[in-house]
Amino acid sequence: MKRTYEYDDIRPVLERLIADKESGEVEFKSSKGGFPQTFWQTYSSFANTNGGTIIFGVKEKDGKFFLDGITKEQAEKYKRDFFNNLHSKQNVNIPLLNEQDVQIVGFDGTYFLFSTSQG
């Protein structure tokens, strides 16, 4: 079953993550132009440390963060692409995430993927 999470006010969560900026535990990936291929480098990095949070659909420009405005359909496609590639030995040696670790989040008519893992 596909799950989409609707939040009345996701701003506090995003503001906390954005305040932390990108770090060894938080990474934002723009996905307006498609599945972010640099995701696998971040996945590998997080897998070799304490894990972290990756958010697809948020871009950073000059230290400011913006939602890409991807649709629910795009978010669902990226989630499918993610899990299809997760089981490809070209991208991942050991798949560490499952369906519950990757959520589609809707906010103000736009969507993003929220992935959290423990290393």
N, C-alpha and C. Protein backbone atom coordinates (compact mmCIF):
# COMPACT_ATOMS: atom_id res chain seq x y z
N MET A 1 0.83 -1.17 0.00
CA MET A 1 0.00 0.00 0.00
C MET A 1 0.89 1.25 0.00
N LYS A 2 0.61 2.17 -0.90
CA LYS A 2 1.35 3.43 -0.94
C LYS A 2 0.78 4.36 0.12
N ARG A 3 1.68 5.02 0.82
CA ARG A 3 1.23 5.94 1.85
C ARG A 3 1.74 7.34 1.53
N THR A 4 0.84 8.29 1.59
CA THR A 4 1.19 9.69 1.44
C THR A 4 0.81 10.36 2.75
N TYR A 5 1.71 11.13 3.29
CA TYR A 5 1.46 11.81 4.54
C TYR A 5 1.12 13.26 4.26
N GLU A 6 0.00 13.71 4.78
CA GLU A 6 -0.39 15.11 4.65
C GLU A 6 -0.18 15.76 6.02
N TYR A 7 0.52 16.85 6.04
CA TYR A 7 0.78 17.56 7.28
C TYR A 7 0.10 18.92 7.23
N ASP A 8 -0.60 19.26 8.31
CA ASP A 8 -1.19 20.58 8.38
C ASP A 8 -0.11 21.64 8.40
N ASP A 9 0.95 21.36 9.14
CA ASP A 9 2.03 22.32 9.20
C ASP A 9 3.36 21.59 9.32
N ILE A 10 3.97 21.34 8.19
CA ILE A 10 5.27 20.67 8.14
C ILE A 10 6.40 21.67 8.36
N ARG A 11 6.04 22.96 8.39
CA ARG A 11 7.06 24.00 8.51
C ARG A 11 8.02 23.79 9.68
N PRO A 12 7.54 23.45 10.88
CA PRO A 12 8.52 23.27 11.98
C PRO A 12 9.54 22.18 11.70
N VAL A 13 9.11 21.08 11.07
CA VAL A 13 10.04 20.01 10.75
C VAL A 13 11.05 20.48 9.71
N LEU A 14 10.56 21.09 8.63
CA LEU A 14 11.46 21.60 7.60
C LEU A 14 12.38 22.69 8.14
N GLU A 15 11.84 23.58 8.95
CA GLU A 15 12.66 24.66 9.50
C GLU A 15 13.78 24.11 10.37
N ARG A 16 13.49 23.07 11.14
CA ARG A 16 14.53 22.46 11.98
C ARG A 16 15.61 21.84 11.10
N LEU A 17 15.19 21.10 10.07
CA LEU A 17 16.16 20.47 9.18
C LEU A 17 16.96 21.51 8.41
N ILE A 18 16.28 22.54 7.93
CA ILE A 18 16.96 23.60 7.17
C ILE A 18 17.90 24.39 8.07
N ALA A 19 17.50 24.61 9.31
CA ALA A 19 18.37 25.34 10.25
C ALA A 19 19.67 24.57 10.47
N ASP A 20 19.58 23.24 10.45
CA ASP A 20 20.77 22.42 10.59
C ASP A 20 21.64 22.49 9.35
N LYS A 21 21.05 23.01 8.25
CA LYS A 21 21.71 23.06 6.94
C LYS A 21 22.06 21.64 6.53
N GLU A 22 22.70 21.52 5.41
CA GLU A 22 23.16 20.21 5.02
C GLU A 22 24.36 19.87 5.89
N SER A 23 24.41 18.63 6.31
CA SER A 23 25.47 18.21 7.22
C SER A 23 25.77 16.75 6.98
N GLY A 24 26.49 16.16 7.88
CA GLY A 24 26.76 14.74 7.81
C GLY A 24 25.54 13.89 8.09
N GLU A 25 24.44 14.55 8.50
CA GLU A 25 23.23 13.80 8.83
C GLU A 25 21.99 14.29 8.09
N VAL A 26 22.08 15.40 7.36
CA VAL A 26 20.94 15.95 6.62
C VAL A 26 21.40 16.36 5.23
N GLU A 27 20.66 15.90 4.22
CA GLU A 27 21.00 16.25 2.83
C GLU A 27 19.70 16.53 2.07
N PHE A 28 19.69 17.63 1.33
CA PHE A 28 18.55 17.98 0.48
C PHE A 28 18.94 17.69 -0.96
N LYS A 29 18.00 17.12 -1.72
CA LYS A 29 18.24 16.80 -3.12
C LYS A 29 17.14 17.39 -3.98
N SER A 30 17.51 18.23 -4.93
CA SER A 30 16.53 18.73 -5.89
C SER A 30 16.14 17.58 -6.79
N SER A 31 14.85 17.45 -7.05
CA SER A 31 14.39 16.37 -7.92
C SER A 31 13.45 16.88 -8.99
N LYS A 32 13.49 18.18 -9.22
CA LYS A 32 12.65 18.78 -10.25
C LYS A 32 12.95 18.18 -11.62
N GLY A 33 14.21 17.90 -11.90
CA GLY A 33 14.59 17.39 -13.21
C GLY A 33 14.66 15.87 -13.28
N GLY A 34 14.23 15.18 -12.24
CA GLY A 34 14.26 13.73 -12.22
C GLY A 34 14.89 13.21 -10.95
N PHE A 35 14.99 11.90 -10.86
CA PHE A 35 15.58 11.26 -9.69
C PHE A 35 17.02 11.75 -9.54
N PRO A 36 17.38 12.30 -8.38
CA PRO A 36 18.73 12.85 -8.20
C PRO A 36 19.79 11.75 -8.16
N GLN A 37 20.61 11.67 -9.18
CA GLN A 37 21.61 10.62 -9.27
C GLN A 37 22.67 10.71 -8.17
N THR A 38 22.88 11.90 -7.62
CA THR A 38 23.85 12.04 -6.53
C THR A 38 23.33 11.42 -5.23
N PHE A 39 22.07 10.98 -5.26
CA PHE A 39 21.51 10.34 -4.07
C PHE A 39 22.36 9.16 -3.61
N TRP A 40 22.84 8.35 -4.56
CA TRP A 40 23.53 7.11 -4.18
C TRP A 40 24.84 7.38 -3.46
N GLN A 41 25.51 8.47 -3.77
CA GLN A 41 26.71 8.85 -3.03
C GLN A 41 26.36 9.19 -1.58
N THR A 42 25.26 9.92 -1.41
CA THR A 42 24.82 10.29 -0.07
C THR A 42 24.37 9.05 0.69
N TYR A 43 23.61 8.18 0.02
CA TYR A 43 23.16 6.93 0.64
C TYR A 43 24.35 6.14 1.17
N SER A 44 25.38 6.01 0.34
CA SER A 44 26.57 5.27 0.73
C SER A 44 27.26 5.94 1.91
N SER A 45 27.37 7.24 1.86
CA SER A 45 28.00 7.98 2.95
C SER A 45 27.24 7.78 4.26
N PHE A 46 25.92 7.90 4.21
CA PHE A 46 25.12 7.72 5.42
C PHE A 46 25.18 6.27 5.91
N ALA A 47 25.25 5.32 4.99
CA ALA A 47 25.31 3.90 5.36
C ALA A 47 26.60 3.60 6.11
N ASN A 48 27.65 4.35 5.82
CA ASN A 48 28.95 4.12 6.46
C ASN A 48 29.17 4.96 7.70
N THR A 49 28.13 5.69 8.13
CA THR A 49 28.23 6.51 9.34
C THR A 49 27.04 6.18 10.25
N ASN A 50 26.45 7.20 10.84
CA ASN A 50 25.33 7.00 11.76
C ASN A 50 23.98 7.12 11.08
N GLY A 51 23.94 7.11 9.76
CA GLY A 51 22.67 7.27 9.05
C GLY A 51 22.38 8.74 8.84
N GLY A 52 21.15 9.05 8.44
CA GLY A 52 20.79 10.44 8.22
C GLY A 52 19.45 10.59 7.55
N THR A 53 19.15 11.82 7.19
CA THR A 53 17.88 12.17 6.56
C THR A 53 18.17 12.78 5.20
N ILE A 54 17.49 12.26 4.18
CA ILE A 54 17.60 12.80 2.82
C ILE A 54 16.21 13.24 2.41
N ILE A 55 16.11 14.46 1.89
CA ILE A 55 14.83 14.99 1.46
C ILE A 55 14.91 15.30 -0.02
N PHE A 56 14.14 14.57 -0.83
CA PHE A 56 14.04 14.81 -2.27
C PHE A 56 12.99 15.89 -2.48
N GLY A 57 13.25 16.82 -3.38
CA GLY A 57 12.24 17.82 -3.71
C GLY A 57 12.50 19.16 -3.05
N VAL A 58 13.68 19.33 -2.48
CA VAL A 58 14.08 20.60 -1.89
C VAL A 58 15.42 20.98 -2.49
N LYS A 59 15.51 22.20 -3.01
CA LYS A 59 16.79 22.64 -3.58
C LYS A 59 17.37 23.75 -2.72
N GLU A 60 18.67 23.82 -2.74
CA GLU A 60 19.39 24.85 -2.00
C GLU A 60 20.04 25.78 -3.01
N LYS A 61 19.88 27.07 -2.78
CA LYS A 61 20.54 28.07 -3.63
C LYS A 61 20.97 29.22 -2.74
N ASP A 62 22.25 29.49 -2.74
CA ASP A 62 22.83 30.58 -1.96
C ASP A 62 22.43 30.50 -0.49
N GLY A 63 22.44 29.29 0.06
CA GLY A 63 22.14 29.11 1.47
C GLY A 63 20.66 29.16 1.81
N LYS A 64 19.80 29.27 0.80
CA LYS A 64 18.35 29.27 1.03
C LYS A 64 17.76 28.01 0.41
N PHE A 65 16.67 27.55 0.99
CA PHE A 65 16.07 26.29 0.55
C PHE A 65 14.67 26.54 0.01
N PHE A 66 14.35 25.82 -1.09
CA PHE A 66 13.08 25.99 -1.77
C PHE A 66 12.51 24.61 -2.13
N LEU A 67 11.19 24.46 -2.01
CA LEU A 67 10.54 23.24 -2.47
C LEU A 67 10.53 23.26 -3.98
N ASP A 68 10.82 22.12 -4.61
CA ASP A 68 10.86 22.02 -6.07
C ASP A 68 9.48 22.13 -6.71
N GLY A 69 8.44 21.78 -5.97
CA GLY A 69 7.10 21.81 -6.56
C GLY A 69 6.80 20.55 -7.36
N ILE A 70 7.33 19.40 -6.93
CA ILE A 70 7.03 18.18 -7.66
C ILE A 70 5.62 17.69 -7.33
N THR A 71 5.03 16.99 -8.26
CA THR A 71 3.66 16.50 -8.09
C THR A 71 3.66 15.18 -7.31
N LYS A 72 2.48 14.79 -6.88
CA LYS A 72 2.34 13.52 -6.18
C LYS A 72 2.77 12.37 -7.09
N GLU A 73 2.41 12.45 -8.36
CA GLU A 73 2.79 11.41 -9.32
C GLU A 73 4.31 11.32 -9.46
N GLN A 74 4.98 12.47 -9.53
CA GLN A 74 6.44 12.47 -9.62
C GLN A 74 7.04 11.85 -8.36
N ALA A 75 6.52 12.23 -7.19
CA ALA A 75 7.04 11.69 -5.93
C ALA A 75 6.87 10.18 -5.89
N GLU A 76 5.72 9.69 -6.34
CA GLU A 76 5.48 8.24 -6.36
C GLU A 76 6.43 7.54 -7.33
N LYS A 77 6.69 8.17 -8.49
CA LYS A 77 7.64 7.60 -9.46
C LYS A 77 9.05 7.57 -8.87
N TYR A 78 9.47 8.63 -8.21
CA TYR A 78 10.80 8.67 -7.61
C TYR A 78 10.93 7.61 -6.53
N LYS A 79 9.87 7.38 -5.79
CA LYS A 79 9.90 6.35 -4.75
C LYS A 79 10.05 4.98 -5.41
N ARG A 80 9.32 4.72 -6.49
CA ARG A 80 9.46 3.45 -7.22
C ARG A 80 10.88 3.31 -7.77
N ASP A 81 11.38 4.39 -8.39
CA ASP A 81 12.74 4.37 -8.94
C ASP A 81 13.76 4.07 -7.84
N PHE A 82 13.55 4.68 -6.69
CA PHE A 82 14.46 4.47 -5.57
C PHE A 82 14.51 3.00 -5.19
N PHE A 83 13.36 2.39 -4.98
CA PHE A 83 13.35 0.99 -4.54
C PHE A 83 13.79 0.04 -5.65
N ASN A 84 13.51 0.36 -6.90
CA ASN A 84 14.03 -0.47 -8.00
C ASN A 84 15.56 -0.44 -8.02
N ASN A 85 16.13 0.73 -7.83
CA ASN A 85 17.58 0.87 -7.84
C ASN A 85 18.23 0.40 -6.55
N LEU A 86 17.48 0.40 -5.47
CA LEU A 86 18.02 -0.04 -4.19
C LEU A 86 18.45 -1.50 -4.26
N HIS A 87 17.80 -2.26 -5.10
CA HIS A 87 18.10 -3.68 -5.22
C HIS A 87 19.02 -3.98 -6.41
N SER A 88 19.66 -2.95 -6.94
CA SER A 88 20.61 -3.10 -8.03
C SER A 88 22.02 -3.07 -7.44
N LYS A 89 22.80 -4.09 -7.71
CA LYS A 89 24.18 -4.15 -7.20
C LYS A 89 25.05 -3.04 -7.77
N GLN A 90 24.60 -2.40 -8.87
CA GLN A 90 25.37 -1.28 -9.42
C GLN A 90 25.30 -0.07 -8.49
N ASN A 91 24.24 0.04 -7.71
CA ASN A 91 24.06 1.20 -6.83
C ASN A 91 24.32 0.89 -5.36
N VAL A 92 23.92 -0.31 -4.91
CA VAL A 92 23.93 -0.60 -3.48
C VAL A 92 24.40 -2.04 -3.24
N ASN A 93 25.33 -2.20 -2.31
CA ASN A 93 25.75 -3.54 -1.93
C ASN A 93 24.73 -4.21 -1.02
N ILE A 94 24.27 -3.46 -0.03
CA ILE A 94 23.31 -4.00 0.94
C ILE A 94 22.17 -2.99 1.09
N PRO A 95 20.95 -3.35 0.72
CA PRO A 95 19.82 -2.42 0.90
C PRO A 95 19.48 -2.28 2.39
N LEU A 96 19.58 -1.06 2.89
CA LEU A 96 19.35 -0.83 4.31
C LEU A 96 17.98 -0.23 4.63
N LEU A 97 17.27 0.25 3.61
CA LEU A 97 15.99 0.91 3.84
C LEU A 97 14.84 0.02 3.39
N ASN A 98 13.68 0.24 4.01
CA ASN A 98 12.46 -0.45 3.59
C ASN A 98 11.37 0.59 3.35
N GLU A 99 10.19 0.15 2.96
CA GLU A 99 9.09 1.06 2.59
C GLU A 99 8.77 2.07 3.69
N GLN A 100 8.86 1.67 4.95
CA GLN A 100 8.52 2.58 6.04
C GLN A 100 9.55 3.69 6.23
N ASP A 101 10.74 3.51 5.67
CA ASP A 101 11.80 4.51 5.82
C ASP A 101 11.70 5.65 4.82
N VAL A 102 10.85 5.49 3.80
CA VAL A 102 10.72 6.50 2.75
C VAL A 102 9.26 6.92 2.67
N GLN A 103 9.00 8.18 2.98
CA GLN A 103 7.63 8.68 3.01
C GLN A 103 7.43 9.75 1.95
N ILE A 104 6.23 9.75 1.37
CA ILE A 104 5.83 10.84 0.48
C ILE A 104 5.07 11.83 1.35
N VAL A 105 5.51 13.07 1.33
CA VAL A 105 4.91 14.10 2.17
C VAL A 105 4.31 15.18 1.28
N GLY A 106 3.05 15.53 1.53
CA GLY A 106 2.38 16.59 0.80
C GLY A 106 2.33 17.86 1.64
N PHE A 107 2.58 18.98 0.97
CA PHE A 107 2.56 20.26 1.68
C PHE A 107 2.27 21.39 0.69
N ASP A 108 1.22 22.16 0.94
CA ASP A 108 0.86 23.31 0.11
C ASP A 108 0.81 22.98 -1.38
N GLY A 109 0.25 21.81 -1.72
CA GLY A 109 0.10 21.45 -3.12
C GLY A 109 1.34 20.90 -3.79
N THR A 110 2.41 20.73 -3.05
CA THR A 110 3.64 20.14 -3.59
C THR A 110 3.99 18.93 -2.74
N TYR A 111 4.88 18.12 -3.25
CA TYR A 111 5.25 16.88 -2.55
C TYR A 111 6.75 16.74 -2.51
N PHE A 112 7.21 15.98 -1.55
CA PHE A 112 8.61 15.62 -1.48
C PHE A 112 8.75 14.27 -0.81
N LEU A 113 9.90 13.64 -0.99
CA LEU A 113 10.21 12.37 -0.34
C LEU A 113 11.09 12.65 0.84
N PHE A 114 10.80 11.95 1.91
CA PHE A 114 11.50 12.11 3.17
C PHE A 114 12.03 10.73 3.53
N SER A 115 13.34 10.58 3.57
CA SER A 115 13.96 9.30 3.86
C SER A 115 14.88 9.43 5.06
N THR A 116 14.67 8.55 6.04
CA THR A 116 15.51 8.57 7.23
C THR A 116 16.05 7.17 7.47
N SER A 117 17.33 7.10 7.77
CA SER A 117 17.94 5.80 8.05
C SER A 117 18.87 5.89 9.23
N GLN A 118 19.13 4.76 9.82
CA GLN A 118 20.11 4.62 10.88
C GLN A 118 21.28 3.85 10.29
N GLY A 119 22.49 4.32 10.50
CA GLY A 119 23.66 3.65 9.94
C GLY A 119 24.00 2.37 10.66
